[in-house]
Amino acid sequence: MRDGRIERVARGRVSIARAREVDLGEAIVAAGMVNAHAHLELGALAGRTPRGGDFAAWV
């Protein structure tokens, strides 16, 4: 992050001079204005998810 923006995305740990690592626990950092929701049952899981029921329990 630099000036409130995601500057770089990389796999694993990256060593950058003067970098500050922040442990967000279970949180996710996502770029603003990105539609991060998905309909899993309409993609690769089509026909493999239960119909109806409690979505929160399924997740």
N, C-alpha and C. Protein backbone atom coordinates (compact mmCIF):
# COMPACT_ATOMS: atom_id res chain seq x y z
N MET A 1 0.85 -1.17 0.00
CA MET A 1 0.00 0.00 0.00
C MET A 1 0.90 1.24 0.00
N ARG A 2 0.53 2.19 -0.81
CA ARG A 2 1.23 3.48 -0.83
C ARG A 2 0.18 4.55 -1.09
N ASP A 3 0.12 5.52 -0.21
CA ASP A 3 -0.86 6.61 -0.33
C ASP A 3 -2.28 6.07 -0.45
N GLY A 4 -2.59 5.01 0.31
CA GLY A 4 -3.94 4.46 0.31
C GLY A 4 -4.29 3.61 -0.89
N ARG A 5 -3.31 3.24 -1.69
CA ARG A 5 -3.56 2.41 -2.88
C ARG A 5 -2.74 1.15 -2.83
N ILE A 6 -3.29 0.08 -3.39
CA ILE A 6 -2.54 -1.16 -3.50
C ILE A 6 -1.49 -0.94 -4.58
N GLU A 7 -0.23 -1.04 -4.21
CA GLU A 7 0.85 -0.75 -5.15
C GLU A 7 1.31 -1.99 -5.89
N ARG A 8 1.24 -3.14 -5.23
CA ARG A 8 1.80 -4.35 -5.83
C ARG A 8 1.14 -5.57 -5.21
N VAL A 9 0.97 -6.60 -6.02
CA VAL A 9 0.45 -7.89 -5.54
C VAL A 9 1.46 -8.95 -5.94
N ALA A 10 1.86 -9.79 -5.00
CA ALA A 10 2.86 -10.82 -5.28
C ALA A 10 2.56 -12.05 -4.44
N ARG A 11 3.07 -13.19 -4.88
CA ARG A 11 2.93 -14.42 -4.10
C ARG A 11 3.98 -14.46 -3.00
N GLY A 12 3.61 -15.03 -1.87
CA GLY A 12 4.56 -15.20 -0.78
C GLY A 12 4.99 -13.87 -0.18
N ARG A 13 6.11 -13.88 0.44
CA ARG A 13 6.63 -12.66 1.08
C ARG A 13 7.58 -11.95 0.13
N VAL A 14 7.51 -10.64 0.13
CA VAL A 14 8.37 -9.82 -0.70
C VAL A 14 9.12 -8.86 0.22
N SER A 15 10.43 -8.77 0.07
CA SER A 15 11.23 -7.87 0.89
C SER A 15 11.39 -6.54 0.17
N ILE A 16 10.87 -5.49 0.78
CA ILE A 16 10.97 -4.15 0.20
C ILE A 16 11.53 -3.24 1.28
N ALA A 17 12.54 -2.46 0.94
CA ALA A 17 13.14 -1.54 1.91
C ALA A 17 12.07 -0.64 2.50
N ARG A 18 12.11 -0.44 3.79
CA ARG A 18 11.18 0.42 4.53
C ARG A 18 9.74 -0.06 4.48
N ALA A 19 9.52 -1.32 4.11
CA ALA A 19 8.15 -1.85 4.06
C ALA A 19 7.66 -2.13 5.47
N ARG A 20 6.37 -2.02 5.67
CA ARG A 20 5.75 -2.32 6.95
C ARG A 20 4.73 -3.43 6.71
N GLU A 21 4.88 -4.55 7.39
CA GLU A 21 3.96 -5.67 7.24
C GLU A 21 2.86 -5.54 8.28
N VAL A 22 1.62 -5.71 7.85
CA VAL A 22 0.47 -5.62 8.73
C VAL A 22 -0.28 -6.94 8.69
N ASP A 23 -0.44 -7.59 9.84
CA ASP A 23 -1.17 -8.85 9.92
C ASP A 23 -2.65 -8.53 10.03
N LEU A 24 -3.40 -8.87 9.00
CA LEU A 24 -4.84 -8.59 8.98
C LEU A 24 -5.66 -9.78 9.43
N GLY A 25 -4.99 -10.82 9.91
CA GLY A 25 -5.73 -12.00 10.37
C GLY A 25 -6.49 -12.64 9.24
N GLU A 26 -7.78 -12.77 9.41
CA GLU A 26 -8.64 -13.42 8.41
C GLU A 26 -9.20 -12.43 7.39
N ALA A 27 -8.80 -11.17 7.47
CA ALA A 27 -9.34 -10.14 6.59
C ALA A 27 -8.75 -10.25 5.18
N ILE A 28 -9.41 -9.61 4.25
CA ILE A 28 -8.97 -9.57 2.85
C ILE A 28 -8.79 -8.12 2.44
N VAL A 29 -7.72 -7.82 1.73
CA VAL A 29 -7.53 -6.49 1.15
C VAL A 29 -7.96 -6.58 -0.30
N ALA A 30 -8.93 -5.75 -0.67
CA ALA A 30 -9.42 -5.76 -2.05
C ALA A 30 -9.42 -4.33 -2.58
N ALA A 31 -9.10 -4.19 -3.83
CA ALA A 31 -9.11 -2.87 -4.45
C ALA A 31 -10.53 -2.31 -4.45
N GLY A 32 -10.64 -0.99 -4.28
CA GLY A 32 -11.95 -0.36 -4.28
C GLY A 32 -12.62 -0.46 -5.65
N MET A 33 -13.92 -0.40 -5.65
CA MET A 33 -14.72 -0.45 -6.86
C MET A 33 -14.56 -1.76 -7.63
N VAL A 34 -14.22 -2.82 -6.92
CA VAL A 34 -14.14 -4.14 -7.53
C VAL A 34 -15.30 -4.96 -7.00
N ASN A 35 -16.10 -5.51 -7.88
CA ASN A 35 -17.22 -6.34 -7.46
C ASN A 35 -16.65 -7.69 -7.03
N ALA A 36 -16.46 -7.87 -5.73
CA ALA A 36 -15.79 -9.07 -5.22
C ALA A 36 -16.76 -10.19 -4.89
N HIS A 37 -18.05 -10.01 -5.16
CA HIS A 37 -18.97 -11.11 -4.86
C HIS A 37 -19.06 -12.04 -6.07
N ALA A 38 -19.44 -13.26 -5.82
CA ALA A 38 -19.50 -14.25 -6.89
C ALA A 38 -20.70 -15.16 -6.71
N HIS A 39 -21.19 -15.69 -7.79
CA HIS A 39 -22.24 -16.70 -7.76
C HIS A 39 -21.56 -18.02 -8.10
N LEU A 40 -21.02 -18.67 -7.07
CA LEU A 40 -20.26 -19.90 -7.28
C LEU A 40 -21.06 -20.97 -8.00
N GLU A 41 -22.37 -21.00 -7.74
CA GLU A 41 -23.21 -22.03 -8.35
C GLU A 41 -23.41 -21.83 -9.85
N LEU A 42 -23.01 -20.69 -10.37
CA LEU A 42 -23.17 -20.43 -11.80
C LEU A 42 -21.90 -20.67 -12.59
N GLY A 43 -20.81 -20.96 -11.91
CA GLY A 43 -19.53 -21.18 -12.58
C GLY A 43 -19.11 -22.63 -12.51
N ALA A 44 -17.90 -22.86 -12.04
CA ALA A 44 -17.33 -24.21 -11.98
C ALA A 44 -18.11 -25.15 -11.07
N LEU A 45 -18.90 -24.59 -10.14
CA LEU A 45 -19.67 -25.44 -9.22
C LEU A 45 -21.11 -25.67 -9.70
N ALA A 46 -21.42 -25.30 -10.93
CA ALA A 46 -22.78 -25.47 -11.45
C ALA A 46 -23.22 -26.93 -11.32
N GLY A 47 -24.39 -27.12 -10.70
CA GLY A 47 -24.94 -28.46 -10.53
C GLY A 47 -24.32 -29.23 -9.38
N ARG A 48 -23.36 -28.64 -8.69
CA ARG A 48 -22.67 -29.34 -7.60
C ARG A 48 -22.96 -28.72 -6.24
N THR A 49 -23.88 -27.77 -6.20
CA THR A 49 -24.24 -27.13 -4.93
C THR A 49 -25.69 -27.44 -4.61
N PRO A 50 -26.04 -27.51 -3.32
CA PRO A 50 -27.42 -27.82 -2.95
C PRO A 50 -28.36 -26.68 -3.33
N ARG A 51 -29.56 -27.01 -3.77
CA ARG A 51 -30.58 -26.02 -4.11
C ARG A 51 -31.26 -25.55 -2.83
N GLY A 52 -31.55 -24.25 -2.76
CA GLY A 52 -32.26 -23.71 -1.61
C GLY A 52 -31.44 -23.85 -0.34
N GLY A 53 -32.11 -23.78 0.78
CA GLY A 53 -31.42 -23.96 2.05
C GLY A 53 -30.77 -22.69 2.55
N ASP A 54 -29.95 -22.84 3.55
CA ASP A 54 -29.31 -21.72 4.23
C ASP A 54 -27.92 -21.47 3.65
N PHE A 55 -27.76 -20.39 2.91
CA PHE A 55 -26.48 -20.08 2.27
C PHE A 55 -25.36 -19.94 3.29
N ALA A 56 -25.63 -19.25 4.39
CA ALA A 56 -24.60 -19.04 5.42
C ALA A 56 -24.11 -20.37 5.97
N ALA A 57 -25.00 -21.33 6.16
CA ALA A 57 -24.60 -22.65 6.65
C ALA A 57 -23.79 -23.39 5.60
N TRP A 58 -24.13 -23.21 4.31
CA TRP A 58 -23.42 -23.89 3.23
C TRP A 58 -22.00 -23.38 3.12
N VAL A 59 -21.84 -22.05 3.25
CA VAL A 59 -20.51 -21.45 3.14
C VAL A 59 -19.69 -21.90 4.31
